[in-house]
C-alpha cells in the first residue's frame, strides 16, 4: 500500500513512501479541470497574468497537503494573482535546500529542520502553520491493561522501524511525561499495517507508536484505538509554510494572498472530503487506487488542522507558547544547540489570511 512514513523528532517529515519511484517529479495542476471536478469557476476579477511560483512538499501526497492542490484547482490562488506548482522532494532537508537555492519560493518543512536551518544562518521565516498538532500517536487497544503512559513500565512498545521518527518520539515522550527511560520498557520493531495490527491484537506489544498514516491503516483494519499522548505533547505543531526573508519583505501582498488561499482551501476541504480526493487524484493517481485508505488518511490529516484555543479561530496562526515549548524541547533533546528568535514564526499576516467569508467558498 502506497503511503508516506513521517520521520524525525516529533514530526520531522521525511520521505519513506513505499512504491514511489523518484524524488521530485510529481507536480500539481494536471488532470481534470476545475469545472469538471468541482463545478467551481474563477471569478471575473481574477488577474489575467499570474505570478508563477513553485512550492515544495517533503513527500508525495495530495491528501496530506491538500490545501495547496485545492487552492490551485478551485481558483483561490488565481484570485490572489498567483499560480503555484507543487513538487515533492525527499524530506524537510531537501525542502529547505530547494528554497535556499532559489529552486522554489514556498516550502513545507517540519519545525525541527526549519529551526535548525535558521540557527545555522538561513534567512527564512515561517509565515503560516498548517498542522496545529502533533503528527505522532502512541496508541493502545481496550484489550490491554494500559491506560496511561506510566502503565508502559516493564512493557513492550511497538514501532514501525527502530530508526524511524516514532522511536525518537516515544523515547522523548516517555522520558518527559512518565519518567521512563530506556530499560524501563522495551522497544520492538513490528512494521506497519497488518503486522502492526497483529502485534497489537496478539498482545506482543502493549502500545504502538505511529505517525498518522499508520494510525489510519489500523483504524481501517477495525481496531479500536486509544491515544495515550497527553495534551501538552499534542501542541507540537508541524508542517509550516516557509519562505525566504527577502521574498516575504518584497511581496507582502503575495504572502497574504497565499495564506488566504490556503485558509480558504482548508475550510472548503473540511466540508468536502470527497471533493478533496477528486482534486488530488489528478496529481497523485496512486492515492486514488485505494480511495478508502486515502480517505482515512485524509481524515487523520484533517484532525491536525484543528485550531487550538489560543489561535482564536485564525488559520495559519503560530501559537507563541507552543513555539517556545517546541524550541525548548529541541534544545533539551540536543536537536537544537540553543533557542532562536521566535520572531521567525511570523504572525503579522494572519489577520489578512482570515479575511474571507466561508459562506462564499
Protein backbone atom coordinates (compact mmCIF):
# COMPACT_ATOMS: atom_id res chain seq x y z
CA UNK A 1 0.00 0.00 0.00
CA UNK A 2 1.38 3.39 -1.02
CA UNK A 3 1.78 5.66 1.97
CA UNK A 4 4.34 8.04 3.47
CA UNK A 5 6.20 7.44 6.71
CA UNK A 6 6.77 10.58 8.72
CA UNK A 7 10.31 10.66 10.03
CA UNK A 8 12.06 12.93 12.54
CA UNK A 9 11.74 14.23 16.06
CA UNK A 10 8.12 14.99 16.87
CA UNK A 11 7.25 15.46 13.24
CA UNK A 12 10.36 15.96 11.06
CA UNK A 13 8.65 14.88 7.85
CA UNK A 14 10.91 12.80 5.66
CA UNK A 15 10.04 10.64 2.64
CA UNK A 16 9.76 6.91 3.12
CA UNK A 17 6.95 6.11 0.70
CA UNK A 18 6.65 2.56 -0.50
CA UNK A 19 6.31 2.25 -4.23
CA UNK A 20 7.02 5.90 -5.07
CA UNK A 21 9.87 5.71 -7.56
CA UNK A 22 11.72 9.00 -7.58
CA UNK A 23 12.40 12.11 -5.70
CA UNK A 24 10.74 15.16 -7.16
CA UNK A 25 8.78 14.51 -10.29
CA UNK A 26 5.18 14.97 -9.15
CA UNK A 27 3.57 18.34 -9.78
CA UNK A 28 0.16 19.83 -9.23
CA UNK A 29 -2.06 21.26 -11.91
CA UNK A 30 -2.52 18.24 -14.16
CA UNK A 31 -5.62 16.21 -14.74
CA UNK A 32 -9.21 17.31 -14.73
CA UNK A 33 -10.24 20.92 -15.00
CA UNK A 34 -11.82 22.76 -12.08
CA UNK A 35 -15.26 22.79 -13.64
CA UNK A 36 -15.17 19.05 -14.34
CA UNK A 37 -14.06 18.21 -10.80
CA UNK A 38 -15.80 20.68 -8.54
CA UNK A 39 -18.13 22.85 -10.54
CA UNK A 40 -16.18 25.90 -9.39
CA UNK A 41 -15.03 28.64 -11.71
CA UNK A 42 -12.65 31.55 -11.44
CA UNK A 43 -14.32 34.91 -10.88
CA UNK A 44 -14.12 37.70 -13.43
CA UNK A 45 -11.80 39.63 -11.11
CA UNK A 46 -9.07 37.02 -11.42
CA UNK A 47 -5.89 38.70 -12.75
CA UNK A 48 -5.06 37.78 -16.34
CA UNK A 49 -1.36 37.42 -15.54
CA UNK A 50 -0.48 35.26 -12.58
CA UNK A 51 2.76 35.16 -10.61
CA UNK A 52 4.04 31.60 -11.10
CA UNK A 53 5.64 30.07 -8.03
CA UNK A 54 6.91 26.65 -7.01
CA UNK A 55 6.04 25.04 -3.69
CA UNK A 56 7.92 22.02 -2.36
CA UNK A 57 6.44 19.32 -0.13
CA UNK A 58 8.57 16.75 1.76
CA UNK A 59 6.92 13.63 0.34
CA UNK A 60 4.42 12.89 -2.42
CA UNK A 61 0.87 13.10 -1.14
CA UNK A 62 -2.07 15.15 -2.27
CA UNK A 63 -4.30 14.17 0.63
CA UNK A 64 -1.82 15.25 3.31
CA UNK A 65 -1.07 18.60 1.66
CA UNK A 66 -4.46 19.13 0.06
CA UNK A 67 -4.82 22.90 0.72
CA UNK A 68 -2.16 23.54 -1.94
CA UNK A 69 -3.96 21.48 -4.56
CA UNK A 70 -7.48 22.64 -3.69
CA UNK A 71 -6.39 26.29 -3.69
CA UNK A 72 -4.91 25.86 -7.16
CA UNK A 73 -7.75 23.81 -8.64
CA UNK A 74 -10.61 25.89 -7.26
CA UNK A 75 -9.03 29.17 -8.28
CA UNK A 76 -8.28 30.54 -4.81
CA UNK A 77 -4.63 31.13 -5.73
CA UNK A 78 -5.64 32.68 -9.04
CA UNK A 79 -7.92 35.15 -7.27
CA UNK A 80 -4.82 36.29 -5.37
CA UNK A 81 -2.79 36.71 -8.57
CA UNK A 82 -0.68 33.58 -8.19
CA UNK A 83 -0.35 30.10 -9.63
CA UNK A 84 1.54 27.51 -7.59
CA UNK A 85 3.13 24.37 -8.99
CA UNK A 86 3.65 21.83 -6.20
CA UNK A 87 6.58 19.42 -6.36
CA UNK A 88 7.53 16.58 -4.00
CA UNK A 89 11.09 16.10 -2.76
CA UNK A 90 12.81 13.81 -0.28
CA UNK A 91 12.21 15.21 3.19
CA UNK A 92 12.31 18.51 5.03
CA UNK A 93 16.03 18.94 4.44
CA UNK A 94 15.51 18.80 0.70
CA UNK A 95 12.61 21.26 1.01
CA UNK A 96 14.89 23.77 2.69
CA UNK A 97 17.64 23.20 0.13
CA UNK A 98 15.22 23.95 -2.69
CA UNK A 99 14.21 27.21 -1.01
CA UNK A 100 17.74 28.35 -0.28
CA UNK A 101 18.97 27.51 -3.78
CA UNK A 102 16.17 29.50 -5.40
CA UNK A 103 14.58 26.45 -6.99
CA UNK A 104 11.33 27.10 -5.08
CA UNK A 105 9.70 30.07 -3.40
CA UNK A 106 7.47 28.22 -0.93
CA UNK A 107 8.37 25.19 1.18
CA UNK A 108 6.59 22.97 3.69
CA UNK A 109 9.20 21.63 6.13
CA UNK A 110 8.70 20.49 9.69
CA UNK A 111 9.55 22.85 12.57
CA UNK A 112 12.68 21.00 13.74
CA UNK A 113 14.65 21.17 10.47
CA UNK A 114 13.37 24.72 9.90
CA UNK A 115 14.64 25.92 13.27
CA UNK A 116 17.95 24.14 12.77
CA UNK A 117 18.39 25.85 9.39
CA UNK A 118 17.66 29.27 10.89
CA UNK A 119 20.09 28.57 13.71
CA UNK A 120 22.75 27.82 11.09
CA UNK A 121 22.18 31.18 9.42
CA UNK A 122 19.45 30.55 6.84
CA UNK A 123 17.35 33.69 6.30
CA UNK A 124 13.96 32.02 6.39
CA UNK A 125 10.65 32.64 8.12
CA UNK A 126 7.52 30.62 8.73
CA UNK A 127 4.51 32.57 7.55
CA UNK A 128 1.75 30.00 8.16
CA UNK A 129 1.34 27.00 10.47
CA UNK A 130 -0.53 24.26 8.65
CA UNK A 131 -0.67 21.36 11.13
CA UNK A 132 -1.59 22.62 14.57
CA UNK A 133 -0.96 19.39 16.47
CA UNK A 134 1.48 16.52 16.76
CA UNK A 135 1.71 14.03 13.88
CA UNK A 136 2.66 11.07 16.09
CA UNK A 137 0.49 8.95 18.35
CA UNK A 138 1.07 6.26 20.94
CA UNK A 139 -1.97 4.03 20.68
CA UNK A 140 -3.23 1.03 22.56
CA UNK A 141 -6.35 -1.13 22.42
CA UNK A 142 -9.04 -1.92 25.00
CA UNK A 143 -7.65 -5.48 25.29
CA UNK A 144 -4.60 -4.23 27.19
CA UNK A 145 -4.42 -3.00 30.77
CA UNK A 146 -2.54 0.10 29.62
CA UNK A 147 -4.48 3.27 30.29
CA UNK A 148 -1.62 5.68 30.91
CA UNK A 149 1.99 6.19 29.90
CA UNK A 150 3.13 5.03 33.34
CA UNK A 151 1.49 1.66 32.68
CA UNK A 152 4.09 1.01 29.97
CA UNK A 153 6.80 0.37 32.57
CA UNK A 154 8.01 -3.18 32.04
CA UNK A 155 6.03 -3.46 28.81
CA UNK A 156 6.98 -3.63 25.14
CA UNK A 157 6.19 -0.72 22.82
CA UNK A 158 5.92 -1.39 19.11
CA UNK A 159 7.33 0.90 16.42
CA UNK A 160 7.48 0.67 12.64
CA UNK A 161 11.27 0.70 12.46
CA UNK A 162 13.90 1.27 15.10
CA UNK A 163 15.43 4.19 13.20
CA UNK A 164 12.09 5.85 12.46
CA UNK A 165 10.88 9.16 13.84
CA UNK A 166 8.35 7.38 16.04
CA UNK A 167 11.20 5.81 18.02
CA UNK A 168 12.69 9.20 18.87
CA UNK A 169 9.22 10.41 19.68
CA UNK A 170 8.39 7.56 22.07
CA UNK A 171 11.68 7.87 23.94
CA UNK A 172 11.22 11.60 24.43
CA UNK A 173 7.54 11.23 25.34
CA UNK A 174 8.08 8.53 27.97
CA UNK A 175 11.08 10.32 29.45
CA UNK A 176 9.42 13.71 29.80
CA UNK A 177 5.84 12.69 30.59
CA UNK A 178 6.24 9.44 32.52
CA UNK A 179 9.81 9.49 33.82
CA UNK A 180 10.56 6.24 32.00
CA UNK A 181 13.96 5.74 30.39
CA UNK A 182 15.25 3.06 28.05
CA UNK A 183 15.43 -0.14 30.06
CA UNK A 184 12.22 0.64 31.91
CA UNK A 185 10.43 -0.62 28.79
CA UNK A 186 11.35 -2.44 25.58
CA UNK A 187 11.00 -1.23 22.01
CA UNK A 188 10.18 -3.74 19.27
CA UNK A 189 10.09 -3.08 15.53
CA UNK A 190 6.83 -4.62 14.30
CA UNK A 191 6.44 -2.88 10.95
CA UNK A 192 3.21 -1.18 10.00
CA UNK A 193 -0.19 -2.01 8.58
CA UNK A 194 -1.15 -5.64 9.04
CA UNK A 195 1.93 -6.65 11.00
CA UNK A 196 1.41 -3.83 13.49
CA UNK A 197 -2.26 -4.66 13.98
CA UNK A 198 -1.40 -8.33 14.54
CA UNK A 199 1.22 -7.39 17.13
CA UNK A 200 -1.38 -5.33 19.00
CA UNK A 201 -4.12 -7.94 18.74
CA UNK A 202 -1.86 -10.77 19.94
CA UNK A 203 -0.53 -8.75 22.83
CA UNK A 204 3.04 -8.83 21.51
CA UNK A 205 3.18 -5.09 22.22
CA UNK A 206 1.26 -3.09 24.80
CA UNK A 207 1.25 0.02 22.68
CA UNK A 208 2.26 1.17 19.22
CA UNK A 209 3.97 4.46 18.34
CA UNK A 210 2.96 5.64 14.89
CA UNK A 211 2.52 8.59 12.56
CA UNK A 212 -0.97 9.49 11.41
CA UNK A 213 -0.94 7.46 8.14
CA UNK A 214 -0.11 4.35 10.21
CA UNK A 215 -2.99 5.14 12.56
CA UNK A 216 -5.29 5.45 9.54
CA UNK A 217 -4.30 1.93 8.47
CA UNK A 218 -5.00 0.49 11.91
CA UNK A 219 -8.41 2.14 12.08
CA UNK A 220 -9.23 0.80 8.61
CA UNK A 221 -8.48 -2.69 9.90
CA UNK A 222 -11.18 -2.18 12.51
CA UNK A 223 -9.02 -1.65 15.58
CA UNK A 224 -10.44 0.44 18.40
CA UNK A 225 -7.59 2.71 19.43
CA UNK A 226 -6.86 4.95 22.39
CA UNK A 227 -4.17 7.61 22.05
CA UNK A 228 -2.06 7.93 25.20
CA UNK A 229 -0.24 11.10 24.14
CA UNK A 230 -1.05 13.80 26.72
CA UNK A 231 -2.45 17.17 25.76
CA UNK A 232 0.79 19.07 26.28
CA UNK A 233 2.56 16.90 23.71
CA UNK A 234 -0.29 17.41 21.24
CA UNK A 235 0.77 21.05 21.00
CA UNK A 236 3.83 20.05 18.96
CA UNK A 237 2.64 21.57 15.71
CA UNK A 238 4.01 20.60 12.30
CA UNK A 239 4.16 21.37 8.58
CA UNK A 240 4.98 25.05 8.14
CA UNK A 241 4.67 27.34 5.13
CA UNK A 242 8.19 28.76 4.84
CA UNK A 243 9.66 31.42 2.54
CA UNK A 244 12.91 33.33 2.40
CA UNK A 245 13.01 36.60 4.32
CA UNK A 246 13.66 38.60 1.17
CA UNK A 247 10.62 37.09 -0.56
CA UNK A 248 8.35 37.96 2.38
CA UNK A 249 9.67 41.50 2.64
CA UNK A 250 9.41 42.19 -1.10
CA UNK A 251 5.98 40.57 -1.58
CA UNK A 252 3.77 41.22 1.47
CA UNK A 253 0.53 41.20 -0.56
CA UNK A 254 1.53 37.99 -2.26
CA UNK A 255 2.26 36.39 1.12
CA UNK A 256 -1.17 37.46 2.36
CA UNK A 257 -2.81 36.09 -0.77
CA UNK A 258 -1.09 32.73 -0.48
CA UNK A 259 -2.10 32.39 3.17
CA UNK A 260 -5.70 33.44 2.47
CA UNK A 261 -5.98 30.95 -0.40
CA UNK A 262 -4.64 28.15 1.82
CA UNK A 263 -7.05 29.04 4.61
CA UNK A 264 -9.99 29.04 2.19
CA UNK A 265 -8.90 25.71 0.72
CA UNK A 266 -8.55 24.19 4.18
CA UNK A 267 -12.06 25.22 5.16
CA UNK A 268 -13.54 24.02 1.87
CA UNK A 269 -11.77 20.69 2.23
CA UNK A 270 -13.04 20.13 5.75
CA UNK A 271 -16.59 20.35 4.39
CA UNK A 272 -15.88 18.45 1.16
CA UNK A 273 -13.56 15.47 1.75
CA UNK A 274 -14.79 13.66 -1.36
CA UNK A 275 -14.10 16.78 -3.40
CA UNK A 276 -10.57 16.88 -1.99
CA UNK A 277 -9.94 13.31 -3.12
CA UNK A 278 -11.29 14.09 -6.57
CA UNK A 279 -8.94 17.04 -6.90
CA UNK A 280 -5.79 15.43 -5.52
CA UNK A 281 -6.29 12.26 -7.59
CA UNK A 282 -5.38 14.26 -10.70
CA UNK A 283 -1.85 14.83 -9.36
CA UNK A 284 -1.49 11.63 -7.34
CA UNK A 285 -3.36 8.85 -9.17
CA UNK A 286 -1.68 6.24 -6.95
CA UNK A 287 -3.65 7.61 -4.00
CA UNK A 288 -6.86 7.18 -5.98
CA UNK A 289 -6.13 3.47 -6.41
CA UNK A 290 -7.10 2.87 -2.78
CA UNK A 291 -9.62 5.61 -2.11
CA UNK A 292 -10.72 4.05 1.17
CA UNK A 293 -7.23 4.27 2.64
CA UNK A 294 -6.59 7.73 1.21
CA UNK A 295 -9.90 8.90 2.66
CA UNK A 296 -8.90 7.54 6.06
CA UNK A 297 -5.53 9.26 5.81
CA UNK A 298 -7.28 12.48 4.82
CA UNK A 299 -9.49 12.24 7.91
CA UNK A 300 -6.43 11.81 10.12
CA UNK A 301 -4.77 14.76 8.35
CA UNK A 302 -7.77 17.00 8.85
CA UNK A 303 -7.66 16.37 12.58
CA UNK A 304 -4.23 18.04 12.53
CA UNK A 305 -5.78 21.25 11.17
CA UNK A 306 -7.97 21.69 14.25
CA UNK A 307 -7.19 25.09 15.70
CA UNK A 308 -6.11 25.34 19.34
CA UNK A 309 -7.97 27.70 21.61
CA UNK A 310 -5.03 30.12 21.55
CA UNK A 311 -5.42 30.60 17.79
CA UNK A 312 -8.82 32.24 18.35
CA UNK A 313 -10.18 30.73 15.14
CA UNK A 314 -7.38 32.09 12.97
CA UNK A 315 -5.97 29.81 10.28
CA UNK A 316 -2.20 29.87 9.93
CA UNK A 317 -1.56 31.21 13.44
CA UNK A 318 1.63 30.13 15.21
CA UNK A 319 0.88 29.90 18.93
CA UNK A 320 3.83 31.63 20.66
CA UNK A 321 3.69 29.38 23.73
CA UNK A 322 3.76 26.28 21.51
CA UNK A 323 6.71 27.68 19.56
CA UNK A 324 8.68 28.32 22.75
CA UNK A 325 7.86 24.91 24.17
CA UNK A 326 8.79 23.10 20.97
CA UNK A 327 12.03 25.05 20.73
CA UNK A 328 12.89 24.37 24.35
CA UNK A 329 12.18 20.70 23.88
CA UNK A 330 14.52 20.52 20.88
CA UNK A 331 17.26 22.21 22.90
CA UNK A 332 16.70 19.84 25.81
CA UNK A 333 16.88 16.82 23.50
CA UNK A 334 20.06 18.07 21.84
CA UNK A 335 18.40 18.57 18.46
CA UNK A 336 19.00 22.34 18.62
CA UNK A 337 22.10 23.92 20.16
CA UNK A 338 20.29 26.96 21.53
CA UNK A 339 16.99 28.80 21.12
CA UNK A 340 16.48 31.02 18.08
CA UNK A 341 14.47 34.22 17.76
CA UNK A 342 10.80 33.24 17.91
CA UNK A 343 10.03 36.12 15.52
CA UNK A 344 10.86 33.76 12.63
CA UNK A 345 7.36 32.38 13.25
CA UNK A 346 5.66 35.39 11.69
CA UNK A 347 2.02 36.08 12.61
CA UNK A 348 1.91 39.55 11.08
CA UNK A 349 -0.26 38.48 8.12
CA UNK A 350 -2.63 36.15 9.96
CA UNK A 351 -5.48 38.65 10.08
CA UNK A 352 -5.30 39.02 6.30
CA UNK A 353 -5.29 35.23 5.83
CA UNK A 354 -8.64 35.04 7.59
CA UNK A 355 -10.27 37.92 5.71
CA UNK A 356 -12.85 35.86 3.86
CA UNK A 357 -16.39 34.60 4.29
CA UNK A 358 -16.62 30.79 4.49
CA UNK A 359 -20.12 31.05 3.02
CA UNK A 360 -18.56 32.26 -0.25
CA UNK A 361 -16.44 29.15 -0.74
